[in-house]
């Protein structure tokens, strides 16, 4: 079921909380959507693991398992497409700024 124009709630929430409006300088316009999606998933997985490890509570394996189950529902390709479009838009803006300068 779609949510706020995204595939589902998990996709919308992960994009909103972690990627929306964030600079993604590591994305190159030559990268494939599949590669970007894989990178985004890896970034979020590593972030969750580090965040749970730094919390230092006894239930972190349970919390991490719930978090990983949540992100398993994310449509990473949809977020990648959105982020790549933002990168292309910024590149086009930067190029036009260079021309007018």
Protein backbone atom coordinates (compact mmCIF):
# COMPACT_ATOMS: atom_id res chain seq x y z
CA UNK A 1 0.00 0.00 0.00
CA UNK A 2 1.42 3.39 -0.98
CA UNK A 3 2.13 6.13 1.55
CA UNK A 4 2.47 9.86 0.81
CA UNK A 5 3.35 9.14 -2.81
CA UNK A 6 5.97 6.51 -1.93
CA UNK A 7 5.80 2.72 -2.28
CA UNK A 8 5.09 2.24 1.44
CA UNK A 9 5.55 3.78 4.88
CA UNK A 10 9.04 2.34 5.36
CA UNK A 11 10.31 3.84 2.11
CA UNK A 12 8.76 7.23 2.87
CA UNK A 13 10.08 7.28 6.46
CA UNK A 14 13.65 6.23 5.63
CA UNK A 15 13.84 8.78 2.83
CA UNK A 16 12.36 11.53 5.02
CA UNK A 17 14.51 10.83 8.09
CA UNK A 18 17.82 9.95 6.47
CA UNK A 19 18.10 11.23 2.90
CA UNK A 20 15.63 14.03 2.17
CA UNK A 21 17.56 17.25 1.67
CA UNK A 22 20.86 15.63 2.62
CA UNK A 23 23.80 16.14 0.30
CA UNK A 24 24.95 12.90 -1.28
CA UNK A 25 28.27 13.97 -2.78
CA UNK A 26 29.35 10.35 -3.13
CA UNK A 27 26.75 9.77 -5.84
CA UNK A 28 28.15 10.18 -9.33
CA UNK A 29 25.86 10.69 -12.29
CA UNK A 30 27.59 7.73 -13.94
CA UNK A 31 26.43 5.34 -11.20
CA UNK A 32 23.57 2.98 -11.93
CA UNK A 33 20.37 3.18 -9.93
CA UNK A 34 21.03 -0.37 -8.73
CA UNK A 35 24.47 0.60 -7.36
CA UNK A 36 23.06 3.67 -5.62
CA UNK A 37 20.24 1.60 -4.10
CA UNK A 38 22.76 -0.93 -2.77
CA UNK A 39 24.88 1.87 -1.28
CA UNK A 40 21.86 3.50 0.38
CA UNK A 41 20.82 0.20 1.95
CA UNK A 42 24.36 -0.41 3.21
CA UNK A 43 24.57 3.11 4.67
CA UNK A 44 21.33 2.68 6.60
CA UNK A 45 22.20 -0.83 7.80
CA UNK A 46 25.60 0.31 9.06
CA UNK A 47 24.03 3.35 10.72
CA UNK A 48 21.48 1.19 12.56
CA UNK A 49 24.13 -1.28 13.71
CA UNK A 50 26.39 1.53 14.97
CA UNK A 51 23.52 3.35 16.65
CA UNK A 52 22.36 0.23 18.46
CA UNK A 53 25.91 -0.64 19.50
CA UNK A 54 26.51 2.84 20.91
CA UNK A 55 23.27 2.75 22.93
CA UNK A 56 24.79 0.07 25.16
CA UNK A 57 21.53 -1.44 26.38
CA UNK A 58 21.03 -5.17 26.81
CA UNK A 59 18.12 -5.44 24.36
CA UNK A 60 19.96 -4.05 21.36
CA UNK A 61 19.95 -7.30 19.35
CA UNK A 62 16.15 -7.25 19.60
CA UNK A 63 15.92 -3.56 18.70
CA UNK A 64 18.33 -4.05 15.80
CA UNK A 65 16.35 -7.02 14.51
CA UNK A 66 13.16 -4.91 14.50
CA UNK A 67 14.97 -2.05 12.75
CA UNK A 68 16.43 -4.37 10.13
CA UNK A 69 13.01 -5.95 9.58
CA UNK A 70 11.58 -2.45 9.06
CA UNK A 71 14.18 -1.47 6.49
CA UNK A 72 13.72 -4.77 4.65
CA UNK A 73 10.43 -3.27 3.45
CA UNK A 74 12.12 -0.20 1.94
CA UNK A 75 12.07 0.24 -1.82
CA UNK A 76 15.74 1.24 -2.15
CA UNK A 77 15.45 1.73 -5.90
CA UNK A 78 12.71 4.31 -5.41
CA UNK A 79 14.87 6.28 -2.96
CA UNK A 80 17.88 5.91 -5.28
CA UNK A 81 15.87 7.30 -8.19
CA UNK A 82 14.77 10.25 -6.04
CA UNK A 83 18.26 10.98 -4.71
CA UNK A 84 19.83 10.65 -8.16
CA UNK A 85 17.31 13.13 -9.57
CA UNK A 86 18.29 15.60 -6.83
CA UNK A 87 21.99 15.11 -7.64
CA UNK A 88 21.35 15.70 -11.35
CA UNK A 89 19.32 18.82 -10.50
CA UNK A 90 22.15 20.19 -8.33
CA UNK A 91 24.72 19.39 -11.01
CA UNK A 92 22.64 21.24 -13.60
CA UNK A 93 22.28 24.21 -11.25
CA UNK A 94 26.03 24.24 -10.51
CA UNK A 95 26.80 24.10 -14.22
CA UNK A 96 24.44 26.99 -14.97
CA UNK A 97 26.03 29.02 -12.15
CA UNK A 98 29.49 28.46 -13.66
CA UNK A 99 28.27 29.61 -17.08
CA UNK A 100 26.77 32.84 -15.70
CA UNK A 101 29.78 33.63 -13.50
